[in-house]
Amino acid sequence: MRFPIITAALILAANTALAAGGERRVYVQCGGNFSSFVNKMKAVAERQGFSPAVTQPFFAAADFSKRTINADRRQGIFKTDFISFSRKLISQNRINRGRSNSQKYNSIFTAIERQLGVPRGMLLSFWAFETDYGAVQGDFNTLDSLMTLSHDCRRPGLFQPQVFAALELFSRGDFPTNVQGAWAGEIGMVQMLPKDILERGLDGDGDGKVNLKTSVADALFSGANMLRGFGWRPNEPWMQEVVVPQNLPWEDTGFHTSKPVGDWARLGVRPRSGAFEGPGLRASILLPMGRKGPAFLAYPNYQALFEWNQSFVYVATAAYFATRLSGAPVYDAGNADKPLSDGQMKALQKKLAARGYNVGKIDGILGAGTRAAVQAEQKRLGLPADAWPTRELLNRL
């Protein structure tokens, strides 16, 4: 699972989180007195084999962070539609700096592309969105954030294993208790959690250490290795803008359906520029704002990006930005139907939930569950089933 992350300095934000298949376990009952919770976590650590000489200074340094809790509750930005979100995150300055960094660190990117098969465009995109190319790495005490979120009862199974991973790093001298990062415990230029660092961190500069805060080589190699761990397939495309015909079977769009690229071509789908990048691959049609908005082919590598972040709009924007940094033109915004307001989206989710669909929390966010339910109801009502919620659909329901 991944969850949205908002860093105050970037305003919009991003996220990295738990390594694919990582441990999700509650070791200590959440909630209650924080000091007692800390003592219980310390006792668990010592039962795992950590010596008191290690656990005492580590857990003694942990404080409850109300600021972290407040940041965890702020998720409104992910209610933004794709066009608005992408235009906020992708500025000409950010594009220029991405291209400049591509040249400045060309030897590092070339080595990563050769050894790991992860393209520089994708790494530059995450590097930009996570920390503005390393400039804004977060000012939350990482230990405090991890312990606070482990104590909080929203997702203790996600964060408690991260505390013990941080303890392992601390025992090796690689996790100062005053280290700072994002509110959810990520550290460094590409924002990796302690468990990610233990499992995927790479020494890119050859100094014998994995320093994600100051070493560009370490950060980029580690980020690429993490993507590989998420299922990234070397030297394959991830996303490509396409033009779709008006008679496309809209119910076949979305991630639930993939077809050989040749089949999409026979249905009238064509690249907006150039040739198909993965003619021998399967792909899905991605319509982030419905059939009247931008259209993309999502190749298998696109799915790996959801292990980095589970926000639909974030992943679509990061993937698109990576194509821009790789030479693609600005997308054709089309003429999409106006997005529903927050209140309308919540009303729609309530109606869908009442019909038995699993839309998750009624939060106004157009996530995967809501999109699937929208598409199913569009098909039932004889509307173009492109998974984009409209006022017409809301009124019909």
Protein backbone atom coordinates (compact mmCIF):
# COMPACT_ATOMS: atom_id res chain seq x y z
CA MET A 1 0.00 0.00 0.00
CA ARG A 2 1.02 3.56 -0.59
CA PHE A 3 -0.46 6.75 0.75
CA PRO A 4 -0.28 10.41 -0.37
CA ILE A 5 2.37 12.58 1.23
CA ILE A 6 2.32 16.35 1.43
CA THR A 7 5.50 18.30 2.06
CA ALA A 8 4.94 21.90 3.04
CA ALA A 9 7.82 23.26 0.98
CA LEU A 10 6.65 21.62 -2.25
CA ILE A 11 3.02 22.48 -1.53
CA LEU A 12 1.83 19.63 -3.66
CA ALA A 13 3.65 16.69 -2.81
CA ALA A 14 4.43 13.27 -3.25
CA ASN A 15 5.33 10.10 -1.61
CA THR A 16 7.36 7.03 -1.38
CA ALA A 17 6.44 4.32 1.03
CA LEU A 18 6.64 0.67 1.93
CA ALA A 19 8.67 -1.70 -0.18
CA ALA A 20 6.62 -4.10 -2.29
CA GLY A 21 5.60 -7.08 -0.22
CA GLY A 22 7.11 -5.48 2.86
CA GLU A 23 6.17 -6.60 6.34
CA ARG A 24 2.92 -5.16 7.71
CA ARG A 25 2.54 -6.19 11.29
CA VAL A 26 1.29 -4.72 14.54
CA TYR A 27 3.75 -5.59 17.31
CA VAL A 28 2.28 -3.39 20.04
CA GLN A 29 -1.35 -2.35 20.58
CA CYS A 30 -1.82 1.14 19.14
CA GLY A 31 -3.14 4.11 21.12
CA GLY A 32 -3.01 4.71 24.84
CA ASN A 33 -0.26 6.47 26.74
CA PHE A 34 2.60 7.29 24.39
CA SER A 35 5.38 6.70 26.94
CA SER A 36 3.98 3.27 27.73
CA PHE A 37 3.79 2.53 24.02
CA VAL A 38 7.45 3.49 23.57
CA ASN A 39 8.47 1.19 26.44
CA LYS A 40 6.53 -1.70 24.90
CA MET A 41 8.18 -1.15 21.50
CA LYS A 42 11.55 -1.12 23.25
CA ALA A 43 10.74 -4.42 24.95
CA VAL A 44 9.76 -5.97 21.60
CA ALA A 45 13.03 -4.78 20.09
CA GLU A 46 15.05 -6.39 22.87
CA ARG A 47 13.15 -9.65 22.43
CA GLN A 48 14.17 -9.49 18.79
CA GLY A 49 17.81 -9.42 19.86
CA PHE A 50 18.69 -5.73 19.99
CA SER A 51 20.81 -4.93 23.02
CA PRO A 52 19.73 -2.35 25.62
CA ALA A 53 22.81 -0.34 24.65
CA VAL A 54 21.14 0.19 21.28
CA THR A 55 17.48 0.37 22.24
CA GLN A 56 17.90 2.75 25.19
CA PRO A 57 19.26 5.80 23.29
CA PHE A 58 17.08 5.08 20.27
CA PHE A 59 13.71 4.93 22.02
CA ALA A 60 14.67 7.56 24.62
CA ALA A 61 14.96 10.05 21.77
CA ALA A 62 11.41 9.45 20.49
CA ASP A 63 8.74 12.08 21.07
CA PHE A 64 5.09 12.28 20.04
CA SER A 65 4.59 14.62 17.06
CA LYS A 66 1.20 16.30 16.79
CA ARG A 67 2.54 18.00 13.67
CA THR A 68 2.94 14.59 12.01
CA ILE A 69 -0.64 13.64 12.88
CA ASN A 70 -1.89 16.91 11.41
CA ALA A 71 0.05 16.30 8.20
CA ASP A 72 -1.34 12.77 7.95
CA ARG A 73 -4.90 14.12 8.03
CA ARG A 74 -4.35 16.55 5.15
CA GLN A 75 -5.21 14.74 1.90
CA GLY A 76 -7.27 17.34 0.02
CA ILE A 77 -4.78 17.94 -2.78
CA PHE A 78 -5.41 14.47 -4.18
CA LYS A 79 -8.99 15.46 -4.97
CA THR A 80 -7.58 17.58 -7.80
CA ASP A 81 -8.16 16.40 -11.36
CA PHE A 82 -5.29 15.29 -13.60
CA ILE A 83 -5.06 18.43 -15.72
CA SER A 84 -5.09 20.78 -12.73
CA PHE A 85 -2.71 18.59 -10.72
CA SER A 86 -0.21 18.14 -13.55
CA ARG A 87 -0.18 21.84 -14.38
CA LYS A 88 0.57 22.67 -10.75
CA LEU A 89 3.43 20.20 -10.44
CA ILE A 90 5.00 20.60 -13.88
CA SER A 91 6.45 24.05 -14.46
CA GLN A 92 8.87 25.12 -17.17
CA ASN A 93 11.43 25.73 -14.43
CA ARG A 94 11.06 22.16 -13.21
CA ILE A 95 11.41 20.86 -16.77
CA ASN A 96 14.53 22.98 -17.36
CA ARG A 97 16.12 21.83 -14.12
CA GLY A 98 15.31 18.23 -14.96
CA ARG A 99 17.07 18.51 -18.29
CA SER A 100 20.00 20.29 -16.65
CA ASN A 101 20.31 17.53 -14.03
CA SER A 102 20.14 14.92 -16.78
CA GLN A 103 23.23 16.48 -18.34
CA LYS A 104 25.01 17.21 -15.06
CA TYR A 105 24.64 13.62 -13.81
CA ASN A 106 24.73 11.96 -17.20
CA SER A 107 27.31 9.37 -16.16
CA ILE A 108 25.16 8.29 -13.19
CA PHE A 109 21.99 8.01 -15.27
CA THR A 110 23.85 6.15 -18.01
CA ALA A 111 25.19 3.63 -15.49
CA ILE A 112 21.71 3.14 -13.99
CA GLU A 113 20.15 2.65 -17.42
CA ARG A 114 22.84 0.12 -18.31
CA GLN A 115 22.82 -1.81 -15.03
CA LEU A 116 19.18 -1.58 -13.91
CA GLY A 117 17.25 -0.66 -17.05
CA VAL A 118 15.39 2.24 -15.42
CA PRO A 119 15.24 5.34 -17.65
CA ARG A 120 16.43 8.71 -16.46
CA GLY A 121 13.11 10.36 -17.28
CA MET A 122 11.28 8.29 -14.67
CA LEU A 123 13.94 8.86 -12.01
CA LEU A 124 14.05 12.59 -12.74
CA SER A 125 10.29 12.76 -12.41
CA PHE A 126 10.21 11.19 -8.95
CA TRP A 127 13.29 13.15 -7.88
CA ALA A 128 11.50 16.36 -8.90
CA PHE A 129 8.18 15.59 -7.26
CA GLU A 130 9.56 14.08 -4.06
CA THR A 131 12.12 16.75 -3.09
CA ASP A 132 12.41 19.25 -5.96
CA TYR A 133 15.66 17.58 -7.05
CA GLY A 134 16.93 17.25 -3.49
CA ALA A 135 16.31 20.84 -2.41
CA VAL A 136 13.37 20.11 -0.08
CA GLN A 137 13.80 16.84 1.82
CA GLY A 138 11.46 17.56 4.71
CA ASP A 139 11.89 18.98 8.20
CA PHE A 140 10.11 16.37 10.29
CA ASN A 141 12.12 14.36 12.81
CA THR A 142 11.99 10.91 11.22
CA LEU A 143 12.08 8.90 14.44
CA ASP A 144 9.30 11.00 15.97
CA SER A 145 7.15 10.59 12.86
CA LEU A 146 7.62 6.83 12.68
CA MET A 147 6.89 6.34 16.37
CA THR A 148 3.89 8.67 16.27
CA LEU A 149 2.34 6.93 13.26
CA SER A 150 3.09 3.55 14.84
CA HIS A 151 1.20 4.68 17.94
CA ASP A 152 -1.68 6.14 15.91
CA CYS A 153 -4.39 3.59 15.13
CA ARG A 154 -4.90 4.42 11.46
CA ARG A 155 -2.03 2.34 10.02
CA PRO A 156 0.14 0.87 12.80
CA GLY A 157 0.84 -2.24 10.74
CA LEU A 158 2.50 -0.11 8.09
CA PHE A 159 4.70 1.91 10.41
CA GLN A 160 5.73 -0.32 13.30
CA PRO A 161 7.97 -2.50 11.06
CA GLN A 162 9.58 0.73 9.86
CA VAL A 163 10.58 1.57 13.43
CA PHE A 164 12.49 -1.68 13.77
CA ALA A 165 14.10 -1.13 10.37
CA ALA A 166 15.20 2.30 11.56
CA LEU A 167 16.55 0.67 14.73
CA GLU A 168 18.61 -1.72 12.61
CA LEU A 169 20.04 1.22 10.68
CA PHE A 170 20.72 3.01 13.98
CA SER A 171 22.63 -0.01 15.28
CA ARG A 172 24.87 0.22 12.20
CA GLY A 173 25.48 3.94 12.70
CA ASP A 174 23.37 4.85 9.67
CA PHE A 175 20.34 6.47 11.34
CA PRO A 176 21.00 9.49 13.58
CA THR A 177 18.03 10.01 15.90
CA ASN A 178 17.86 13.65 14.75
CA VAL A 179 17.64 12.82 11.04
CA GLN A 180 14.89 14.72 9.27
CA GLY A 181 12.66 13.89 6.32
CA ALA A 182 9.03 13.79 5.20
CA TRP A 183 6.18 13.50 7.69
CA ALA A 184 5.64 9.79 7.02
CA GLY A 185 9.23 8.79 7.72
CA GLU A 186 10.86 8.96 4.30
CA ILE A 187 14.44 10.10 4.07
CA GLY A 188 16.60 11.59 1.35
CA MET A 189 16.38 12.89 -2.19
CA VAL A 190 13.96 10.24 -3.45
CA GLN A 191 12.29 9.74 -0.06
CA MET A 192 12.76 6.15 1.06
CA LEU A 193 11.51 4.59 4.27
CA PRO A 194 13.99 2.73 6.53
CA LYS A 195 12.81 -0.69 5.33
CA ASP A 196 13.25 0.43 1.73
CA ILE A 197 16.77 1.58 2.54
CA LEU A 198 17.66 -1.74 4.15
CA GLU A 199 16.23 -3.79 1.28
CA ARG A 200 16.86 -1.60 -1.79
CA GLY A 201 19.51 0.96 -0.86
CA LEU A 202 22.57 0.92 -3.13
CA ASP A 203 25.99 2.53 -2.77
CA GLY A 204 26.12 4.38 -6.06
CA ASP A 205 29.26 6.44 -5.44
CA GLY A 206 31.42 3.61 -4.08
CA ASP A 207 32.21 5.11 -0.67
CA GLY A 208 30.88 2.10 1.23
CA LYS A 209 27.81 3.94 2.55
CA VAL A 210 24.23 4.48 1.38
CA ASN A 211 23.66 8.21 1.94
CA LEU A 212 20.37 9.26 0.41
CA LYS A 213 20.46 12.82 1.73
CA THR A 214 23.66 14.13 0.16
CA SER A 215 24.81 11.59 -2.45
CA VAL A 216 23.00 11.97 -5.78
CA ALA A 217 24.47 8.67 -6.99
CA ASP A 218 23.28 6.77 -3.92
CA ALA A 219 19.80 8.32 -4.11
CA LEU A 220 19.29 7.66 -7.82
CA PHE A 221 20.73 4.13 -7.78
CA SER A 222 18.59 3.30 -4.74
CA GLY A 223 15.47 4.80 -6.30
CA ALA A 224 16.05 2.79 -9.47
CA ASN A 225 16.63 -0.38 -7.47
CA MET A 226 13.41 0.23 -5.57
CA LEU A 227 11.50 0.56 -8.85
CA ARG A 228 13.02 -2.71 -10.01
CA GLY A 229 11.81 -4.28 -6.78
CA PHE A 230 8.33 -2.96 -7.53
CA GLY A 231 8.30 -4.90 -10.80
CA TRP A 232 9.77 -2.42 -13.28
CA ARG A 233 10.69 -4.22 -16.49
CA PRO A 234 14.08 -3.05 -17.86
CA ASN A 235 14.23 -1.01 -21.03
CA GLU A 236 10.49 -0.96 -21.69
CA PRO A 237 8.18 2.07 -22.06
CA TRP A 238 5.66 3.04 -19.38
CA MET A 239 3.27 5.56 -20.91
CA GLN A 240 2.57 7.10 -24.32
CA GLU A 241 0.03 9.68 -25.38
CA VAL A 242 -2.41 8.46 -28.00
CA VAL A 243 -5.38 9.65 -30.03
CA VAL A 244 -8.52 7.55 -29.59
CA PRO A 245 -11.49 7.23 -31.98
CA GLN A 246 -14.96 8.33 -30.91
CA ASN A 247 -16.33 4.81 -31.36
CA LEU A 248 -13.81 3.10 -29.09
CA PRO A 249 -15.47 0.54 -26.77
CA TRP A 250 -15.12 2.74 -23.70
CA GLU A 251 -15.94 -0.11 -21.32
CA ASP A 252 -12.60 -1.66 -22.35
CA THR A 253 -10.64 1.37 -21.16
CA GLY A 254 -8.97 1.38 -17.76
CA PHE A 255 -6.58 -0.98 -16.03
CA HIS A 256 -8.98 -3.90 -15.87
CA THR A 257 -8.46 -4.47 -19.60
CA SER A 258 -5.18 -4.84 -21.46
CA LYS A 259 -4.80 -5.73 -25.11
CA PRO A 260 -1.87 -6.21 -27.45
CA VAL A 261 -0.92 -2.83 -28.87
CA GLY A 262 -1.76 -4.14 -32.33
CA ASP A 263 -5.35 -4.77 -31.21
CA TRP A 264 -5.69 -1.18 -30.03
CA ALA A 265 -4.29 -0.03 -33.34
CA ARG A 266 -6.93 -2.05 -35.21
CA LEU A 267 -9.58 -0.30 -33.12
CA GLY A 268 -8.28 3.05 -34.37
CA VAL A 269 -5.94 4.05 -31.52
CA ARG A 270 -2.80 5.78 -32.80
CA PRO A 271 0.19 7.53 -31.24
CA ARG A 272 -0.20 11.28 -31.03
CA SER A 273 3.40 11.56 -32.25
CA GLY A 274 5.87 9.06 -33.62
CA ALA A 275 5.32 5.31 -33.56
CA PHE A 276 4.10 2.94 -30.86
CA GLU A 277 6.88 2.60 -28.28
CA GLY A 278 5.94 -0.95 -27.29
CA PRO A 279 4.44 -2.54 -30.41
CA GLY A 280 4.98 -6.05 -29.05
CA LEU A 281 3.57 -5.35 -25.60
CA ARG A 282 0.14 -5.37 -24.03
CA ALA A 283 -1.25 -2.06 -22.81
CA SER A 284 -4.30 -0.42 -21.29
CA ILE A 285 -6.01 2.79 -22.34
CA LEU A 286 -5.74 5.42 -19.63
CA LEU A 287 -8.31 8.24 -19.72
CA PRO A 288 -7.60 10.28 -16.58
CA MET A 289 -10.45 12.71 -17.38
CA GLY A 290 -12.65 10.56 -19.56
CA ARG A 291 -13.00 10.15 -23.30
CA LYS A 292 -12.95 13.91 -23.98
CA GLY A 293 -9.67 14.55 -22.16
CA PRO A 294 -6.06 13.40 -22.57
CA ALA A 295 -5.54 9.75 -23.57
CA PHE A 296 -2.56 7.51 -22.94
CA LEU A 297 -1.42 3.94 -23.47
CA ALA A 298 -0.29 2.50 -20.14
CA TYR A 299 2.31 -0.23 -20.65
CA PRO A 300 3.11 -2.91 -18.01
CA ASN A 301 5.72 -0.70 -16.33
CA TYR A 302 3.01 1.81 -15.47
CA GLN A 303 1.57 -0.60 -12.91
CA ALA A 304 4.88 -0.71 -11.01
CA LEU A 305 4.52 3.00 -10.28
CA PHE A 306 1.53 2.32 -8.02
CA GLU A 307 3.92 0.62 -5.60
CA TRP A 308 5.65 3.99 -5.26
CA ASN A 309 2.41 5.88 -4.72
CA GLN A 310 -1.19 4.68 -4.83
CA SER A 311 -2.69 8.02 -5.81
CA PHE A 312 -4.09 7.74 -9.34
CA VAL A 313 -3.58 11.42 -10.15
CA TYR A 314 -0.04 11.44 -8.73
CA VAL A 315 1.08 8.38 -10.68
CA ALA A 316 -0.47 9.63 -13.93
CA THR A 317 1.25 12.98 -13.49
CA ALA A 318 4.63 11.48 -12.58
CA ALA A 319 4.49 9.08 -15.52
CA TYR A 320 3.51 11.87 -17.91
CA PHE A 321 6.24 14.18 -16.59
CA ALA A 322 8.75 11.40 -17.20
CA THR A 323 7.65 11.28 -20.85
CA ARG A 324 8.05 15.06 -21.13
CA LEU A 325 11.58 14.85 -19.76
CA SER A 326 12.20 12.11 -22.33
CA GLY A 327 11.12 14.35 -25.23
CA ALA A 328 7.34 13.96 -25.48
CA PRO A 329 5.22 17.05 -26.28
CA VAL A 330 2.68 18.66 -23.96
CA TYR A 331 -0.46 16.53 -23.86
CA ASP A 332 -3.62 17.48 -25.72
CA ALA A 333 -5.95 18.56 -22.92
CA GLY A 334 -9.02 18.05 -25.10
CA ASN A 335 -12.36 19.28 -23.78
CA ALA A 336 -13.16 17.09 -20.80
CA ASP A 337 -16.42 17.41 -18.91
CA LYS A 338 -16.02 19.62 -15.85
CA PRO A 339 -14.96 17.70 -12.74
CA LEU A 340 -17.51 17.20 -9.99
CA SER A 341 -17.16 19.40 -6.93
CA ASP A 342 -16.05 17.85 -3.66
CA GLY A 343 -19.62 17.71 -2.42
CA GLN A 344 -20.88 16.21 -5.66
CA MET A 345 -18.16 13.56 -5.65
CA LYS A 346 -19.01 12.56 -2.09
CA ALA A 347 -22.69 12.41 -3.02
CA LEU A 348 -21.81 10.18 -5.96
CA GLN A 349 -19.71 7.91 -3.76
CA LYS A 350 -22.58 7.57 -1.31
CA LYS A 351 -24.97 6.62 -4.12
CA LEU A 352 -22.50 4.06 -5.48
CA ALA A 353 -21.86 2.61 -2.03
CA ALA A 354 -25.62 2.31 -1.50
CA ARG A 355 -25.73 0.21 -4.67
CA GLY A 356 -23.19 -2.20 -3.23
CA TYR A 357 -19.97 -0.89 -4.77
CA ASN A 358 -16.77 -0.79 -2.73
CA VAL A 359 -15.65 2.81 -3.15
CA GLY A 360 -13.71 2.87 0.11
CA LYS A 361 -13.97 5.94 2.30
CA ILE A 362 -16.46 8.62 1.26
CA ASP A 363 -13.71 11.20 0.79
CA GLY A 364 -14.35 12.92 -2.52
CA ILE A 365 -11.24 11.35 -4.08
CA LEU A 366 -11.65 9.65 -7.44
CA GLY A 367 -9.72 6.50 -6.64
CA ALA A 368 -9.64 3.11 -8.30
CA GLY A 369 -12.74 1.80 -6.53
CA THR A 370 -14.83 4.83 -7.41
CA ARG A 371 -13.65 4.76 -11.03
CA ALA A 372 -14.59 1.10 -11.38
CA ALA A 373 -18.02 1.72 -9.90
CA VAL A 374 -18.59 4.73 -12.14
CA GLN A 375 -17.68 2.72 -15.22
CA ALA A 376 -20.00 -0.12 -14.24
CA GLU A 377 -22.94 2.24 -13.68
CA GLN A 378 -22.22 4.10 -16.93
CA LYS A 379 -22.40 0.81 -18.79
CA ARG A 380 -25.63 -0.19 -17.02
CA LEU A 381 -27.26 3.13 -17.87
CA GLY A 382 -26.13 3.12 -21.49
CA LEU A 383 -23.71 6.01 -21.04
CA PRO A 384 -20.17 6.05 -22.52
CA ALA A 385 -18.36 3.92 -19.94
CA ASP A 386 -15.11 5.89 -19.67
CA ALA A 387 -15.01 5.93 -15.82
CA TRP A 388 -15.15 9.74 -15.67
CA PRO A 389 -17.92 10.90 -13.30
CA THR A 390 -20.20 13.56 -14.73
CA ARG A 391 -23.17 15.55 -13.53
CA GLU A 392 -25.32 13.55 -15.90
CA LEU A 393 -24.31 10.31 -14.19
CA LEU A 394 -24.92 11.82 -10.76
CA ASN A 395 -28.39 12.98 -11.80
CA ARG A 396 -29.24 9.63 -13.37
CA LEU A 397 -28.36 7.87 -10.16
